[in-house]
Protein backbone atom coordinates (compact mmCIF):
# COMPACT_ATOMS: atom_id res chain seq x y z
CA MET A 1 161.26 85.95 122.67
CA THR A 2 162.18 89.62 122.95
CA ASN A 3 160.30 92.84 122.17
CA GLN A 4 162.47 93.11 119.04
CA ASP A 5 161.36 89.61 117.96
CA LEU A 6 157.70 90.52 118.49
CA ALA A 7 158.10 93.76 116.54
CA ASN A 8 159.70 91.86 113.64
CA LEU A 9 156.91 89.27 113.73
CA ILE A 10 154.25 91.96 113.44
CA PHE A 11 156.14 94.13 110.94
CA PRO A 12 158.46 91.80 109.02
CA LYS A 13 158.72 94.09 105.99
CA VAL A 14 159.38 97.34 107.84
CA SER A 15 163.05 98.11 107.35
CA SER A 16 163.12 101.90 107.80
CA ASN A 17 163.27 103.30 111.31
CA ILE A 18 162.41 106.62 112.97
CA LEU A 19 165.83 108.12 112.25
CA ASP A 20 165.41 107.34 108.56
CA TYR A 21 162.21 109.35 108.48
CA GLU A 22 163.72 112.17 110.53
CA LYS A 23 166.33 112.48 107.77
CA LYS A 24 163.76 112.25 105.00
CA TYR A 25 161.62 114.96 106.62
CA PRO A 26 164.13 117.36 108.17
CA LYS A 27 163.13 120.17 110.46
CA ARG A 28 161.64 123.02 108.44
CA ASN A 29 163.83 126.04 107.85
CA LEU A 30 161.61 128.66 109.51
CA LYS A 31 162.43 132.22 110.38
CA GLU A 32 161.89 133.43 113.94
CA GLY A 33 158.15 133.62 114.71
CA GLU A 34 157.01 131.75 111.60
CA VAL A 35 154.43 129.00 112.01
CA VAL A 36 153.29 125.81 110.29
CA THR A 37 149.57 125.07 110.33
CA ARG A 38 147.39 122.51 108.63
CA VAL A 39 143.79 121.87 107.76
CA ALA A 40 143.21 118.15 108.13
CA PRO A 41 139.68 117.09 107.12
CA SER A 42 138.37 113.57 106.88
CA PRO A 43 136.91 112.93 103.40
CA THR A 44 133.81 111.24 104.78
CA GLY A 45 131.18 113.54 103.29
CA TYR A 46 130.52 117.14 102.40
CA MET A 47 132.70 120.12 103.29
CA HIS A 48 131.54 121.37 106.70
CA LEU A 49 131.34 125.01 107.76
CA GLY A 50 133.49 124.07 110.77
CA THR A 51 136.26 122.84 108.47
CA LEU A 52 136.35 126.19 106.66
CA PHE A 53 136.24 127.95 110.04
CA GLN A 54 139.38 126.15 111.19
CA ALA A 55 141.10 126.43 107.78
CA LEU A 56 140.54 130.18 107.85
CA ILE A 57 142.29 130.44 111.22
CA ASP A 58 145.18 128.28 109.92
CA TYR A 59 145.46 130.52 106.88
CA ILE A 60 145.30 133.83 108.77
CA LEU A 61 147.87 132.68 111.33
CA VAL A 62 150.36 131.96 108.54
CA LYS A 63 149.54 135.22 106.74
CA ASN A 64 150.08 137.12 110.00
CA ARG A 65 153.37 135.52 110.95
CA GLY A 66 154.76 133.85 107.85
CA GLY A 67 155.42 130.14 107.43
CA VAL A 68 153.53 127.27 105.81
CA PHE A 69 149.86 126.31 105.59
CA TYR A 70 149.25 122.80 104.25
CA LEU A 71 146.35 120.44 103.55
CA ARG A 72 146.50 116.91 104.91
CA ASN A 73 143.67 114.51 104.18
CA GLU A 74 143.03 112.25 107.14
CA ASP A 75 141.50 109.41 105.16
CA THR A 76 142.20 106.49 107.47
CA ASP A 77 138.48 105.84 108.00
CA THR A 78 138.30 104.02 104.68
CA LYS A 79 134.84 102.54 105.35
CA ARG A 80 133.27 106.00 105.53
CA GLU A 81 135.24 107.71 102.77
CA VAL A 82 133.05 109.31 100.09
CA ASP A 83 134.17 109.44 96.47
CA GLY A 84 135.10 112.95 95.42
CA ALA A 85 135.26 114.29 98.99
CA ILE A 86 138.99 115.06 98.82
CA LYS A 87 138.56 117.06 95.62
CA LEU A 88 135.58 118.86 97.14
CA VAL A 89 137.71 120.05 100.07
CA MET A 90 140.39 121.37 97.73
CA ASP A 91 137.85 123.00 95.41
CA THR A 92 136.20 124.75 98.36
CA LEU A 93 139.51 126.07 99.71
CA GLU A 94 140.36 127.33 96.23
CA GLU A 95 136.92 128.92 95.82
CA TYR A 96 137.40 130.84 99.08
CA ASN A 97 140.97 131.74 98.13
CA ILE A 98 142.37 129.91 101.16
CA MET A 99 144.92 128.00 99.16
CA PRO A 100 147.38 125.77 101.04
CA ASP A 101 151.09 125.99 100.26
CA GLU A 102 151.40 122.21 100.28
CA TYR A 103 148.83 119.60 99.26
CA GLU A 104 148.14 116.50 97.22
CA ILE A 105 145.30 116.19 94.73
CA ASP A 106 144.66 113.96 91.69
CA GLY A 107 148.13 112.41 91.92
CA LYS A 108 149.78 115.83 92.00
CA THR A 109 151.89 116.66 95.08
CA ILE A 110 153.03 120.16 95.99
CA GLY A 111 155.50 120.16 98.89
CA SER A 112 158.33 118.03 100.27
CA TYR A 113 156.62 116.60 103.35
CA GLY A 114 154.09 114.30 101.70
CA PRO A 115 152.38 112.07 101.03
CA TYR A 116 149.59 114.36 102.26
CA ARG A 117 147.07 111.52 102.42
CA GLN A 118 147.32 109.32 105.47
CA THR A 119 146.45 106.12 103.64
CA LYS A 120 149.68 106.60 101.66
CA ARG A 121 151.76 106.93 104.84
CA LYS A 122 151.08 103.47 106.26
CA GLU A 123 154.74 102.39 106.11
CA ILE A 124 155.76 105.47 108.08
CA TYR A 125 153.22 104.76 110.83
CA HIS A 126 154.31 101.13 110.99
CA ALA A 127 157.92 102.16 111.57
CA PHE A 128 156.89 104.31 114.52
CA ILE A 129 154.57 101.65 115.95
CA LYS A 130 157.30 99.04 115.54
CA TYR A 131 159.59 101.26 117.60
CA LEU A 132 157.02 101.42 120.41
CA ILE A 133 156.76 97.63 120.45
CA GLU A 134 160.56 97.35 120.55
CA ILE A 135 160.76 99.55 123.66
CA GLY A 136 157.81 97.82 125.33
CA ARG A 137 155.36 100.73 124.98
CA ALA A 138 152.90 99.03 122.63
CA TYR A 139 151.40 95.56 122.36
CA PRO A 140 148.90 93.52 120.36
CA CYS A 141 145.40 93.18 121.83
CA PHE A 142 143.21 90.22 120.89
CA CYS A 143 140.04 91.16 122.78
CA THR A 144 136.85 90.69 120.79
CA LYS A 145 134.07 93.25 120.56
CA GLU A 146 131.94 91.05 122.80
CA GLU A 147 134.66 90.93 125.45
CA LEU A 148 135.08 94.70 125.32
CA ASP A 149 131.32 95.24 125.61
CA GLU A 150 131.19 92.92 128.61
CA ARG A 151 134.09 94.76 130.25
CA LYS A 152 132.30 98.07 129.76
CA LYS A 153 129.10 96.70 131.33
CA GLN A 154 131.09 95.48 134.32
CA GLN A 155 132.74 98.89 134.74
CA GLU A 156 129.38 100.63 134.58
CA LYS A 157 127.99 98.17 137.13
CA ASN A 158 130.93 98.87 139.44
CA LYS A 159 130.49 102.62 138.81
CA VAL A 160 134.05 103.12 137.64
CA ARG A 161 135.46 104.81 134.55
CA THR A 162 134.95 102.90 131.36
CA GLY A 163 137.98 102.19 129.23
CA TYR A 164 140.89 99.85 128.61
CA TYR A 165 143.22 100.58 131.53
CA GLY A 166 144.79 99.05 134.62
CA LYS A 167 143.30 95.72 135.60
CA TYR A 168 140.80 96.03 132.76
CA ALA A 169 143.59 95.96 130.16
CA LYS A 170 143.44 92.18 129.75
CA CYS A 171 146.02 91.74 126.97
CA ARG A 172 148.53 94.09 128.56
CA ASN A 173 149.80 91.30 130.79
CA LEU A 174 150.13 88.57 128.17
CA SER A 175 153.65 87.25 127.86
CA LEU A 176 155.59 87.90 124.67
CA GLU A 177 155.34 84.18 123.88
CA GLU A 178 151.53 84.22 124.30
CA GLN A 179 151.25 87.28 122.05
CA ALA A 180 153.44 85.65 119.38
CA GLN A 181 151.50 82.39 119.51
CA LYS A 182 148.14 84.15 119.02
CA ILE A 183 149.52 86.14 116.10
CA LYS A 184 150.88 82.99 114.46
CA SER A 185 147.49 81.34 115.02
CA GLY A 186 145.85 84.07 112.92
CA ILE A 187 143.80 85.62 115.73
CA PRO A 188 142.83 89.20 114.74
CA TYR A 189 144.41 91.93 116.82
CA VAL A 190 144.85 95.67 117.20
CA ILE A 191 147.91 97.43 118.54
CA ARG A 192 147.48 99.37 121.78
CA PHE A 193 149.73 101.98 123.34
CA LYS A 194 150.97 100.93 126.79
CA SER A 195 150.36 103.94 129.00
CA GLU A 196 152.47 104.83 132.03
CA GLY A 197 150.17 107.59 133.18
CA ASP A 198 148.28 107.89 136.45
CA PHE A 199 144.73 109.17 136.12
CA ASN A 200 144.86 110.53 139.67
CA LYS A 201 147.80 112.78 138.82
CA LYS A 202 147.34 116.13 137.12
CA PHE A 203 149.40 118.06 134.61
CA ILE A 204 149.13 121.60 133.32
CA PHE A 205 148.16 122.02 129.70
CA ASN A 206 148.18 125.42 128.03
CA ASP A 207 145.58 125.86 125.32
CA LEU A 208 145.95 129.14 123.41
CA VAL A 209 142.18 129.76 123.55
CA LYS A 210 141.17 128.37 126.94
CA GLY A 211 144.38 129.19 128.79
CA LYS A 212 145.95 126.93 131.43
CA LEU A 213 143.98 123.76 132.13
CA GLU A 214 144.59 121.14 134.79
CA LEU A 215 144.06 117.72 133.23
CA SER A 216 144.33 114.15 134.47
CA GLU A 217 147.14 112.09 133.03
CA ASN A 218 146.20 109.43 130.51
CA ASP A 219 146.22 105.88 131.81
CA GLU A 220 144.27 104.24 128.99
CA ASP A 221 145.90 101.73 126.68
CA PHE A 222 144.18 103.17 123.63
CA ILE A 223 144.31 101.68 120.15
CA ILE A 224 146.97 103.08 117.84
CA MET A 225 146.58 100.62 114.93
CA LYS A 226 143.36 99.08 113.69
CA SER A 227 142.93 95.40 112.92
CA SER A 228 141.11 95.52 109.59
CA ASP A 229 143.39 97.68 107.44
CA LYS A 230 146.42 98.10 109.74
CA LEU A 231 146.02 101.88 109.53
CA PRO A 232 146.57 104.08 112.59
CA THR A 233 143.91 105.77 114.63
CA TYR A 234 143.68 109.56 114.68
CA HIS A 235 145.64 109.72 117.94
CA PHE A 236 148.73 108.06 116.53
CA ALA A 237 148.59 109.56 113.05
CA HIS A 238 148.40 113.00 114.68
CA LEU A 239 151.65 112.36 116.53
CA VAL A 240 153.58 111.07 113.51
CA ASP A 241 152.31 113.48 110.90
CA ASP A 242 152.45 116.67 112.92
CA HIS A 243 155.94 115.81 114.11
CA LEU A 244 157.39 114.91 110.70
CA MET A 245 155.56 117.70 108.87
CA GLY A 246 156.79 120.24 111.41
CA THR A 247 153.38 121.50 112.51
CA THR A 248 153.82 124.25 115.11
CA HIS A 249 150.13 124.98 115.79
CA VAL A 250 147.31 122.44 115.76
CA ILE A 251 143.95 124.11 115.26
CA ARG A 252 141.04 121.77 115.88
CA GLY A 253 137.60 121.65 117.50
CA GLU A 254 137.24 121.60 121.25
CA GLU A 255 135.71 118.13 121.03
CA TRP A 256 139.33 116.91 120.91
CA LEU A 257 140.20 118.36 124.33
CA PRO A 258 139.49 115.05 126.14
CA SER A 259 142.16 113.45 123.93
CA VAL A 260 144.91 115.91 124.83
CA ALA A 261 146.30 113.72 127.62
CA LYS A 262 146.73 110.84 125.17
CA HIS A 263 148.53 113.03 122.67
CA ILE A 264 150.82 114.64 125.21
CA GLU A 265 151.86 111.22 126.54
CA LEU A 266 152.61 110.04 122.99
CA PHE A 267 154.83 113.06 122.28
CA LYS A 268 156.68 112.55 125.57
CA THR A 269 157.19 108.87 124.89
CA PHE A 270 158.97 109.65 121.63
CA GLY A 271 160.79 112.65 123.07
CA PHE A 272 159.16 114.95 120.52
CA LYS A 273 158.18 118.56 121.17
CA ALA A 274 154.38 118.83 121.12
CA PRO A 275 152.83 121.55 118.94
CA LYS A 276 150.85 124.41 120.40
CA TYR A 277 147.12 123.79 120.49
CA ILE A 278 144.22 126.06 119.59
CA HIS A 279 140.98 124.29 120.44
CA THR A 280 138.27 126.25 118.64
CA PRO A 281 134.76 126.54 120.12
CA LEU A 282 131.91 124.59 118.62
CA ILE A 283 129.88 126.46 116.01
CA ILE A 284 126.43 126.86 117.50
CA LYS A 285 123.08 128.25 116.36
CA LYS A 286 120.11 129.71 118.18
CA GLU A 287 116.59 128.36 117.83
CA GLY A 288 114.20 130.48 119.86
CA ASN A 289 115.50 130.31 123.41
CA ILE A 290 117.61 127.22 122.73
CA THR A 291 121.25 127.31 121.67
CA ARG A 292 122.71 124.11 120.24
CA LYS A 293 125.58 122.76 118.16
CA LEU A 294 125.29 123.21 114.41
CA SER A 295 124.20 119.77 113.22
CA LYS A 296 125.23 118.01 110.01
CA ARG A 297 121.95 116.13 110.09
CA LYS A 298 119.52 118.92 111.02
CA ASP A 299 120.99 122.11 109.59
CA PRO A 300 121.48 122.64 105.85
CA GLU A 301 123.75 125.61 106.63
CA ALA A 302 126.31 123.20 108.13
CA ALA A 303 127.35 122.27 104.58
CA MET A 304 129.42 124.65 102.48
CA SER A 305 127.33 123.62 99.47
CA TYR A 306 124.36 125.43 101.08
CA TYR A 307 126.04 128.82 100.75
CA LYS A 308 127.08 128.14 97.17
CA GLU A 309 123.58 127.07 96.15
CA CYS A 310 122.04 130.14 97.81
CA GLY A 311 124.54 132.39 96.10
CA TYR A 312 126.32 134.05 98.98
CA PRO A 313 129.55 135.79 97.91
CA THR A 314 132.54 133.90 99.34
CA LEU A 315 133.76 137.09 101.02
CA ALA A 316 130.49 137.30 102.97
CA ILE A 317 131.07 133.85 104.46
CA ILE A 318 134.65 134.74 105.36
CA GLU A 319 133.62 138.05 106.95
CA SER A 320 130.86 136.36 108.94
CA LEU A 321 133.32 133.75 110.23
CA MET A 322 135.83 136.44 111.12
CA THR A 323 133.29 138.00 113.50
CA ILE A 324 133.28 134.78 115.55
CA ILE A 325 137.00 134.06 115.15
CA ASN A 326 137.87 137.17 117.15
CA SER A 327 135.55 139.31 119.26
CA ASN A 328 137.23 142.56 118.22
CA TYR A 329 137.09 141.97 114.46
CA GLU A 330 133.99 144.07 113.75
CA GLU A 331 135.34 147.03 115.71
CA TRP A 332 138.67 146.74 113.90
CA HIS A 333 137.00 146.56 110.49
CA THR A 334 134.88 149.63 111.25
CA LYS A 335 138.04 151.57 112.08
CA ASN A 336 139.87 150.18 109.04
CA PRO A 337 137.22 150.07 106.27
CA THR A 338 139.74 149.87 103.42
CA CYS A 339 141.59 146.89 104.92
CA THR A 340 140.79 143.24 104.21
CA TYR A 341 140.52 140.42 106.73
CA LEU A 342 144.10 139.45 105.86
CA ASP A 343 145.30 142.70 107.42
CA PHE A 344 143.74 141.70 110.75
CA THR A 345 145.96 140.17 113.44
CA TYR A 346 144.35 137.04 114.84
CA SER A 347 144.62 136.43 118.58
CA PRO A 348 143.51 133.09 120.09
CA LYS A 349 142.96 134.90 123.41
CA LYS A 350 140.16 136.94 121.83
CA MET A 351 138.27 133.88 120.71
CA SER A 352 135.19 132.72 122.57
CA SER A 353 135.83 129.67 124.73
CA SER A 354 132.15 128.90 125.23
CA GLY A 355 130.80 128.51 121.69
CA ALA A 356 130.80 130.42 118.43
CA LEU A 357 127.28 131.57 117.53
CA TYR A 358 126.77 131.57 113.76
CA ASP A 359 123.85 133.83 112.87
CA LEU A 360 122.36 133.59 109.37
CA ASP A 361 120.63 136.95 109.80
CA LYS A 362 123.99 138.52 110.52
CA LEU A 363 125.44 136.78 107.47
CA LYS A 364 122.67 138.27 105.33
CA ASN A 365 123.41 141.78 106.58
CA ILE A 366 127.12 141.32 105.89
CA SER A 367 126.34 139.92 102.45
CA LYS A 368 123.97 142.78 101.58
CA ASN A 369 126.70 145.24 102.40
CA ILE A 370 129.27 143.38 100.27
CA ILE A 371 126.93 143.02 97.28
CA SER A 372 125.93 146.70 97.51
CA LYS A 373 129.59 147.68 97.05
CA MET A 374 130.08 145.59 93.91
CA THR A 375 130.17 147.37 90.58
CA LYS A 376 127.46 146.42 88.10
CA GLU A 377 130.11 144.51 86.11
CA GLU A 378 131.26 142.55 89.17
CA LEU A 379 127.72 141.67 90.20
CA MET A 380 126.79 140.70 86.66
CA GLU A 381 129.80 138.42 86.39
CA GLU A 382 129.34 136.76 89.80
CA SER A 383 125.59 136.33 89.46
CA PHE A 384 126.04 134.88 85.97
CA LYS A 385 128.50 132.29 87.33
CA TRP A 386 125.96 131.35 89.96
CA ALA A 387 123.02 131.30 87.55
CA SER A 388 124.96 129.07 85.15
CA LEU A 389 124.87 126.41 87.88
CA TYR A 390 121.59 127.02 89.68
CA SER A 391 119.12 129.18 87.71
CA LYS A 392 118.50 128.67 84.00
CA GLU A 393 115.84 131.39 84.07
CA LEU A 394 118.22 134.06 85.36
CA LYS A 395 121.04 132.82 83.13
CA ASP A 396 118.83 133.15 80.04
CA LEU A 397 117.80 136.69 80.99
CA ILE A 398 121.41 137.77 81.50
CA GLU A 399 122.50 136.28 78.18
CA ARG A 400 119.59 137.97 76.42
CA ASP A 401 121.05 141.44 77.05
CA LYS A 402 123.93 141.85 79.49
CA ASP A 403 123.95 145.65 79.22
CA TYR A 404 120.27 145.86 80.08
CA TYR A 405 120.78 143.46 83.02
CA MET A 406 123.65 145.59 84.30
CA GLY A 407 121.45 148.64 83.95
CA ILE A 408 118.91 147.02 86.27
CA LEU A 409 121.60 146.03 88.76
CA ASN A 410 123.01 149.54 88.69
CA ILE A 411 119.83 151.21 89.94
CA GLU A 412 120.88 153.04 93.13
CA ARG A 413 124.19 151.16 93.13
CA GLU A 414 127.21 153.30 92.40
CA GLN A 415 126.42 156.10 94.83
CA LYS A 416 127.36 157.21 98.35
CA LYS A 417 124.63 155.12 99.99
CA PRO A 418 123.88 152.21 97.65
CA ARG A 419 120.75 150.17 98.14
CA LYS A 420 121.08 146.97 100.12
CA ASP A 421 118.19 144.75 99.12
CA ILE A 422 120.06 141.70 97.81
CA ALA A 423 121.73 139.32 100.27
CA LYS A 424 122.44 136.45 97.87
CA TYR A 425 122.23 135.71 94.19
CA ASP A 426 119.12 133.54 94.47
CA GLU A 427 117.23 136.70 95.50
CA ILE A 428 118.04 138.63 92.33
CA MET A 429 115.23 137.16 90.24
CA ASP A 430 112.66 138.19 92.85
CA ASN A 431 113.98 141.74 92.62
CA ILE A 432 114.12 142.16 88.85
CA TRP A 433 111.47 139.96 87.19
CA TYR A 434 109.15 142.90 86.53
CA MET A 435 111.82 144.52 84.35
CA TYR A 436 111.27 141.91 81.63
CA ASP A 437 107.97 142.18 79.74
CA ASP A 438 107.55 138.48 78.92
CA VAL A 439 108.32 137.44 82.49
CA TYR A 440 106.09 140.20 83.83
CA LYS A 441 103.22 139.06 81.65
CA GLU A 442 103.44 135.44 82.78
CA HIS A 443 104.23 136.17 86.43
CA GLU A 444 101.48 135.51 88.95
CA LYS A 445 101.12 139.02 90.32
CA THR A 446 99.40 140.55 93.32
CA TYR A 447 99.17 144.30 92.94
CA GLU A 448 100.21 145.88 96.22
CA TRP A 449 97.88 148.89 96.15
CA VAL A 450 98.30 151.24 99.08
CA GLY A 451 95.91 154.06 99.89
CA ILE A 452 94.31 154.42 96.46
CA THR A 453 92.52 151.21 95.49
CA SER A 454 89.72 152.42 93.19
CA LYS A 455 90.27 151.02 89.70
CA GLU A 456 88.70 154.12 88.15
CA GLU A 457 91.02 156.44 90.08
CA ILE A 458 94.06 154.30 89.27
CA ASN A 459 93.23 154.35 85.56
CA LEU A 460 92.65 158.10 85.72
CA ILE A 461 96.05 158.70 87.30
CA THR A 462 97.99 156.48 84.84
CA SER A 463 96.22 157.68 81.70
CA THR A 464 96.45 161.36 82.65
CA TYR A 465 100.12 160.95 83.47
CA MET A 466 100.95 159.38 80.12
CA ASP A 467 98.83 161.86 78.15
CA LYS A 468 100.00 165.09 79.78
CA TYR A 469 102.81 164.80 82.31
CA PHE A 470 105.16 161.99 81.33
CA CYS A 471 108.78 163.18 81.11
CA LEU A 472 112.13 161.37 81.44
CA LYS A 473 114.37 164.29 80.46
CA ASP A 474 116.00 164.29 83.91
CA LYS A 475 114.97 163.35 87.43
CA GLU A 476 113.91 166.86 88.44
CA SER A 477 111.68 167.29 85.38
CA TRP A 478 110.28 163.80 85.92
CA PHE A 479 109.29 164.51 89.52
CA ASN A 480 107.88 167.94 88.64
CA GLY A 481 105.63 166.15 86.16
CA ILE A 482 104.30 163.90 88.90
CA LYS A 483 103.71 166.90 91.17
CA GLU A 484 101.79 168.70 88.39
CA LEU A 485 99.77 165.51 87.78
CA SER A 486 98.94 165.38 91.51
CA GLU A 487 97.74 168.99 91.60
CA SER A 488 95.62 168.53 88.47
CA LEU A 489 93.75 165.62 90.06
CA GLY A 490 93.26 167.15 93.51
CA TYR A 491 96.26 165.71 95.33
CA ALA A 492 98.77 167.75 97.32
CA SER A 493 102.07 168.18 95.49
CA ASN A 494 103.78 169.27 98.71
CA MET A 495 103.85 166.88 101.66
CA LYS A 496 103.99 169.71 104.18
CA ASP A 497 100.79 171.24 102.77
CA TYR A 498 99.12 167.85 102.85
CA LYS A 499 100.01 167.18 106.49
CA GLU A 500 98.72 170.62 107.55
CA ASN A 501 95.50 170.53 105.51
CA LYS A 502 94.59 166.91 104.73
CA GLU A 503 90.90 167.78 104.42
CA ASN A 504 91.65 169.90 101.35
CA TYR A 505 93.13 167.08 99.29
CA LYS A 506 92.25 163.62 97.98
CA GLY A 507 95.72 162.51 99.04
CA SER A 508 99.35 163.41 98.42
CA VAL A 509 101.97 163.17 95.72
CA ALA A 510 103.24 160.09 97.58
CA ASP A 511 99.92 158.34 96.93
CA VAL A 512 100.09 159.23 93.25
CA SER A 513 103.69 158.04 92.97
CA THR A 514 102.72 154.76 94.60
CA VAL A 515 99.98 154.21 92.04
CA LEU A 516 102.44 154.80 89.20
CA ARG A 517 104.92 152.39 90.84
CA VAL A 518 102.47 149.58 91.58
CA ALA A 519 100.72 149.88 88.21
CA LEU A 520 104.12 149.50 86.52
CA THR A 521 105.74 146.79 88.67
CA SER A 522 102.90 145.37 90.84
CA LYS A 523 105.11 146.11 93.88
CA SER A 524 104.69 148.96 96.37
CA THR A 525 108.40 148.97 97.24
CA THR A 526 111.05 149.02 94.53
CA PRO A 527 114.32 150.77 93.80
CA ASP A 528 114.24 154.28 92.34
CA LEU A 529 111.12 154.65 90.14
CA TYR A 530 112.70 157.19 87.81
CA GLU A 531 115.55 154.81 86.98
CA ILE A 532 113.10 151.94 86.45
CA MET A 533 111.03 154.06 84.07
CA THR A 534 114.15 155.23 82.23
CA LEU A 535 115.20 151.64 81.59
CA LEU A 536 111.73 150.49 80.51
CA GLY A 537 111.01 153.49 78.26
CA LYS A 538 107.73 155.21 77.41
CA GLU A 539 106.29 152.60 75.05
CA ARG A 540 106.66 149.71 77.48
CA ILE A 541 105.34 151.79 80.40
CA GLU A 542 102.27 152.83 78.42
CA LYS A 543 101.49 149.24 77.45
CA ARG A 544 101.56 148.15 81.10
CA TYR A 545 99.32 151.00 82.22
CA GLN A 546 96.88 150.29 79.38
CA SER A 547 96.75 146.59 80.30
CA LEU A 548 95.38 147.59 83.71
CA GLU A 549 92.47 149.44 82.11
CA LYS A 550 91.11 146.27 80.51
């Protein structure tokens, strides 16, 4: 029995070898400095903010330097795969305009280095694993879960590292004949990599974010092929796919740092050049004085669906992520206000190595700024798309009269300093409901009276205004009317006079204006009152003021 015999016993139908696949997937024809990056999610649930975070870095790196950005679905965990998850990833990337150059979706493949789903690459992995068995660097392991659990308990009792290595690697020392006999007997097995590393020896690893790290060599005989479906583990699929697909930069979370020694040993075993690694910091959030990892289970904002349901513009999410991708991004953007994030040069060295704090308050401020710069047409279109999915009430109002809706949105919008009171589309209804008479009538209102609270005085102000001083000819005439109204009722029309001689007046023009605002909208703070009144018109304003007198 030879290693070749054992390899043929395990993989009798594998006829292609490594050289065959090297020819099928030739080295990419890249220009000097160009890169190949990939986003490689597992379709085991919703699209995570961290996945978009890493995809954005992949995308920017390629846009900066040229090359290829591709999507590879790492779907080898078939037990946890969720229907529709692969499409969701692609839809999200498309929605954020982070489109890969190569991908596979719904049976359609774009690119020459596929399949881009790992479950479709099983034969390729088997050829590479077969090669390892042939050279004596991989072997079948027949240990049961119970045996592995017992070994771990023994290691913990002896206060040594847990893992399948050295004298604890029971199946490593089985003879080829024993391995063959167990396979022929139908005993379940996995395939393990036979390590030649020494945990007590160190090697230097250069991470583009964390710099030079001194790591222990790998000495663990880790699993490279599972027993149940004969698919590879992440460790082995990473080696094969990133080599054949020509990946130059692997961008992944720092939780994979402990696995680097395994991956480096695999690349060396095959004589392949390892890609450069960018281990991104964990996305963290702050709760009071505690800072912790963003949790899929605890935090709704971990899911990309959260931002879509709330109605954040996609650009706001991208801009907020850019601020944690590089520490100098905000300063750069301030100096280059007309540039987009794609004009920014990403540097791994300027990325935090201790955690990326994602602040929802900061996101809201960024989003307010972005929404404030939209034209009324852009905001109408985007908010209508959102409302069509998440708010029938807002959708119906928009469809009722799009020009009127845009008029509301345009209050204090297209000017040097536009108002910034909307952070996401699900806030729009709270900001405009009082502009629709039927909604206003049915809305449960609390009138936010300030200063003047006497019903008699409020009715006097509104009725006198409508009878004698109402004017919408232009803003100056409108405000002069309110000042004349104030004087006629004993209020100061000039704030300076009021501050210097408060005892001579019932109040100021500001108090009168507030009454007119609250009586019309129920709110003490709104956008420009003149523009609101202009949109509503005299008849509707008068009806609202008269309804207060009853």
